[in-house]
Protein backbone atom coordinates (compact mmCIF):
# COMPACT_ATOMS: atom_id res chain seq x y z
CA MET A 1 10.68 -3.34 -14.30
CA LEU A 2 8.80 -3.37 -17.69
CA MET A 3 5.60 -4.51 -15.32
CA SER A 4 6.01 -2.43 -12.75
CA PHE A 5 5.98 0.67 -15.27
CA TYR A 6 3.23 -1.20 -17.35
CA GLU A 7 1.13 -1.31 -13.72
CA ASN A 8 2.05 1.93 -12.64
CA ASN A 9 1.57 3.95 -15.54
CA ILE A 10 -0.09 2.53 -18.63
CA PHE A 11 -2.64 0.26 -16.91
CA PRO A 12 -4.66 3.19 -15.01
CA TRP A 13 -4.73 5.03 -18.39
CA VAL A 14 -6.79 1.60 -19.83
CA LEU A 15 -8.78 1.09 -16.65
CA ASN A 16 -10.23 4.92 -17.45
CA ILE A 17 -10.98 4.41 -20.80
CA ALA A 18 -12.73 1.02 -20.67
CA ASP A 19 -14.72 2.19 -17.64
CA LYS A 20 -16.60 4.58 -19.83
CA ALA A 21 -18.48 1.50 -20.86
CA PHE A 22 -19.57 1.49 -16.85
CA ARG A 23 -20.59 5.01 -15.88
CA ARG A 24 -24.68 4.30 -16.26
CA GLU A 25 -23.67 1.04 -13.55
CA ARG A 26 -21.66 3.10 -11.90
CA GLU A 27 -24.19 5.87 -11.31
CA GLU A 28 -26.79 3.82 -10.01
CA ILE A 29 -24.73 2.11 -7.44
CA LEU A 30 -23.04 4.60 -5.67
CA GLY A 31 -25.62 6.88 -6.01
CA SER A 32 -27.65 4.25 -4.09
CA ALA A 33 -25.19 4.04 -1.60
CA ARG A 34 -26.10 4.97 2.01
CA GLY A 35 -24.91 5.41 5.67
CA ARG A 36 -21.08 4.47 6.57
CA ILE A 37 -19.84 3.02 3.14
CA LEU A 38 -16.46 1.16 2.65
CA GLU A 39 -15.33 0.82 -1.00
CA ILE A 40 -12.97 -1.72 -1.55
CA GLY A 41 -10.49 -1.64 -4.91
CA ILE A 42 -11.69 2.19 -5.26
CA GLY A 43 -8.55 2.51 -7.89
CA SER A 44 -8.28 5.81 -9.25
CA GLY A 45 -10.91 7.44 -7.84
CA ILE A 46 -13.54 7.17 -10.99
CA SER A 47 -16.01 6.85 -8.44
CA LEU A 48 -16.33 9.52 -6.37
CA PRO A 49 -18.38 11.85 -8.40
CA PHE A 50 -21.03 9.64 -8.24
CA TYR A 51 -21.40 9.20 -4.35
CA SER A 52 -24.65 10.93 -3.21
CA ALA A 53 -23.85 14.38 -0.79
CA GLN A 54 -26.03 12.04 1.58
CA VAL A 55 -23.65 9.92 2.61
CA GLU A 56 -22.28 9.87 6.25
CA HIS A 57 -18.58 9.22 5.41
CA ILE A 58 -16.74 6.99 2.15
CA VAL A 59 -13.32 4.78 3.42
CA GLY A 60 -11.80 3.92 -0.26
CA ILE A 61 -9.21 1.40 0.13
CA GLU A 62 -6.87 0.40 -2.63
CA PRO A 63 -3.45 -2.01 -2.73
CA SER A 64 -1.60 0.01 -5.49
CA GLU A 65 0.47 2.77 -4.53
CA ALA A 66 0.55 4.16 -8.13
CA LEU A 67 -3.64 4.29 -8.21
CA LEU A 68 -4.11 5.62 -4.51
CA THR A 69 -2.18 8.48 -5.94
CA LYS A 70 -4.72 9.34 -8.48
CA ALA A 71 -7.64 8.49 -6.21
CA GLN A 72 -6.12 11.25 -3.94
CA GLN A 73 -5.86 13.81 -6.76
CA ALA A 74 -9.57 12.91 -7.74
CA ALA A 75 -10.85 13.82 -4.41
CA ARG A 76 -9.27 16.95 -4.78
CA SER A 77 -12.35 17.10 -7.84
CA ALA A 78 -15.05 15.62 -5.87
CA PRO A 79 -15.96 18.69 -3.20
CA ALA A 80 -19.17 17.18 -2.26
CA ILE A 81 -18.14 14.66 -0.81
CA ALA A 82 -14.33 15.31 -0.25
CA HIS A 83 -14.79 16.26 3.74
CA LYS A 84 -16.60 12.66 4.46
CA LEU A 85 -13.54 10.71 2.52
CA SER A 86 -11.06 8.62 3.72
CA LEU A 87 -8.48 7.36 1.32
CA GLN A 88 -5.95 4.65 2.59
CA ALA A 89 -3.69 1.82 1.51
CA GLY A 90 -5.82 -1.98 1.92
CA ASP A 91 -6.38 -5.66 1.09
CA ALA A 92 -10.01 -6.66 0.99
CA GLN A 93 -8.63 -9.98 1.65
CA ASN A 94 -7.32 -8.41 5.80
CA LEU A 95 -9.67 -5.80 5.97
CA GLN A 96 -8.47 -3.61 9.10
CA PHE A 97 -11.93 -2.54 10.75
CA ASP A 98 -14.06 -3.75 13.44
CA ASP A 99 -16.93 -5.94 12.78
CA ASN A 100 -20.30 -4.72 11.99
CA SER A 101 -18.44 -1.42 10.79
CA PHE A 102 -20.37 -0.15 7.91
CA ASP A 103 -23.62 -0.13 6.45
CA THR A 104 -22.74 -0.32 2.71
CA VAL A 105 -20.01 -2.12 1.03
CA ILE A 106 -19.63 -1.08 -2.78
CA ALA A 107 -17.25 -3.84 -4.84
CA PHE A 108 -17.40 -2.45 -8.49
CA LEU A 109 -15.14 -4.94 -10.67
CA VAL A 110 -12.62 -5.83 -7.78
CA PHE A 111 -13.44 -9.76 -7.30
CA CYS A 112 -12.22 -10.38 -10.81
CA THR A 113 -9.21 -9.55 -9.28
CA ILE A 114 -8.66 -10.20 -5.59
CA PRO A 115 -6.56 -13.28 -5.24
CA ASP A 116 -8.65 -15.20 -2.77
CA PRO A 117 -12.01 -13.73 -3.37
CA ASP A 118 -13.54 -15.97 -0.79
CA LYS A 119 -11.47 -14.74 2.27
CA ALA A 120 -12.48 -10.98 0.83
CA ALA A 121 -16.04 -11.79 1.15
CA GLU A 122 -15.38 -13.31 4.23
CA GLU A 123 -14.23 -9.74 5.52
CA VAL A 124 -16.39 -7.78 3.70
CA PHE A 125 -19.56 -9.76 5.20
CA ARG A 126 -17.55 -9.28 9.00
CA VAL A 127 -17.31 -5.70 8.92
CA LEU A 128 -20.74 -5.21 7.54
CA LYS A 129 -23.38 -4.35 10.33
CA PRO A 130 -26.56 -6.83 10.71
CA GLY A 131 -28.77 -5.83 7.74
CA GLY A 132 -26.00 -3.90 5.58
CA SER A 133 -25.99 -4.22 1.97
CA LEU A 134 -23.09 -5.44 -0.47
CA ILE A 135 -23.72 -3.71 -3.79
CA PHE A 136 -21.89 -5.31 -7.06
CA PHE A 137 -20.94 -4.96 -10.52
CA GLU A 138 -18.51 -7.88 -11.64
CA HIS A 139 -17.84 -9.15 -14.56
CA VAL A 140 -17.95 -12.99 -14.24
CA LYS A 141 -17.93 -16.89 -15.69
CA ALA A 142 -20.21 -16.84 -19.12
CA PRO A 143 -23.19 -19.30 -18.52
CA SER A 144 -22.84 -20.28 -22.26
CA ASP A 145 -20.41 -23.20 -22.40
CA SER A 146 -18.72 -22.35 -25.30
CA LEU A 147 -17.79 -18.51 -24.04
CA ALA A 148 -16.74 -20.01 -20.60
CA ARG A 149 -14.36 -22.60 -22.76
CA TRP A 150 -12.82 -19.44 -24.37
CA GLN A 151 -12.58 -17.58 -20.92
CA ASN A 152 -10.93 -20.56 -19.67
CA ARG A 153 -7.86 -20.78 -22.11
CA LEU A 154 -7.60 -16.95 -22.43
CA ASN A 155 -7.18 -16.31 -18.82
CA PRO A 156 -3.63 -17.15 -17.81
CA VAL A 157 -2.81 -14.41 -20.82
CA TRP A 158 -5.86 -11.69 -19.88
CA ASN A 159 -4.37 -12.37 -16.10
CA LYS A 160 -0.80 -11.05 -16.79
CA VAL A 161 -1.94 -7.97 -19.23
CA GLY A 162 -5.08 -7.70 -16.90
CA CYS A 163 -2.30 -7.25 -13.80
CA GLY A 164 -4.32 -10.02 -11.99
CA CYS A 165 -7.94 -9.82 -13.45
CA ASN A 166 -9.53 -13.13 -13.72
CA LEU A 167 -12.17 -13.93 -17.00
CA ASN A 168 -13.71 -17.30 -14.91
CA ARG A 169 -14.60 -15.99 -11.74
CA THR A 170 -17.85 -17.55 -10.33
CA THR A 171 -18.38 -14.47 -7.88
CA GLN A 172 -22.11 -15.01 -6.88
CA THR A 173 -21.28 -18.44 -5.76
CA VAL A 174 -18.04 -16.89 -3.73
CA PHE A 175 -20.89 -14.47 -2.27
CA GLU A 176 -23.54 -17.09 -1.41
CA ARG A 177 -20.77 -19.21 0.25
CA GLN A 178 -20.06 -16.27 2.99
CA GLY A 179 -23.92 -16.06 4.00
CA PHE A 180 -24.77 -13.11 1.85
CA ARG A 181 -28.50 -13.22 0.81
CA PHE A 182 -29.48 -11.12 -2.30
CA GLU A 183 -31.97 -8.63 -1.87
CA SER A 184 -31.43 -8.22 -6.06
CA ILE A 185 -29.06 -9.93 -8.46
CA ASP A 186 -29.13 -9.43 -12.24
CA ALA A 187 -27.08 -11.33 -14.78
CA PHE A 188 -26.69 -10.29 -18.15
CA TYR A 189 -24.18 -9.43 -21.24
CA HIS A 190 -23.09 -6.05 -21.19
CA PRO A 191 -23.25 -4.41 -24.76
CA LYS A 192 -20.76 -2.06 -24.53
CA ILE A 193 -17.76 -4.42 -23.89
CA ILE A 194 -15.94 -7.38 -25.61
CA ARG A 195 -18.02 -10.67 -25.61
CA LEU A 196 -14.88 -12.13 -24.06
CA VAL A 197 -15.74 -9.79 -20.92
CA SER A 198 -18.99 -8.83 -21.08
CA PRO A 199 -21.05 -11.62 -18.57
CA VAL A 200 -21.42 -9.60 -15.73
CA ILE A 201 -23.74 -9.72 -12.42
CA LYS A 202 -25.24 -6.65 -10.86
CA GLY A 203 -27.10 -6.36 -7.15
CA VAL A 204 -26.88 -6.30 -3.75
CA ALA A 205 -26.24 -8.79 -1.26
CA LYS A 206 -27.41 -8.31 2.15
CA LYS A 207 -26.02 -9.42 5.69
CA GLY A 208 -28.80 -11.69 7.72
């Protein structure tokens, strides 16, 4: 009961505060999305104001009922895209869409939390059209051995506090295993967040 209260009421508030550090990346990534878009793990709808009015349609999925409710509320404050938006409960590991359905998939700080990231990447690859783009921004395991060791040590505690978030995912490798080809990828330490989660990757991976 206590954990459920935390996940539904406290954690979304924490996410909103933390996300201010990523405003620049969110604006850049979402502003470049085109065509029919799927955003996996849309959360509380923080992303919605950053989409271009030129997009054709956006489908946002979210497994958390509490966050999905907040996303529905946020949609009312994004009139430029509200009529092009569909929000629904959904699991990235089992996408309820046909093969080759989307031009773009957005993954913004979600692969750290998905229980089976390989299955999710496989599903994303399946629903993307040939030549489609996975646009991503993810925090990952540090390239530095010393920081990576601390991430491994602290991950069990972080996982609980972060509602399933993992410090030590090798997400680039996950994408590569599923056949994605990187059009661009940038790995760096984000200057606005704590060192433990500062190693991030950002880029575009293509299907085919």
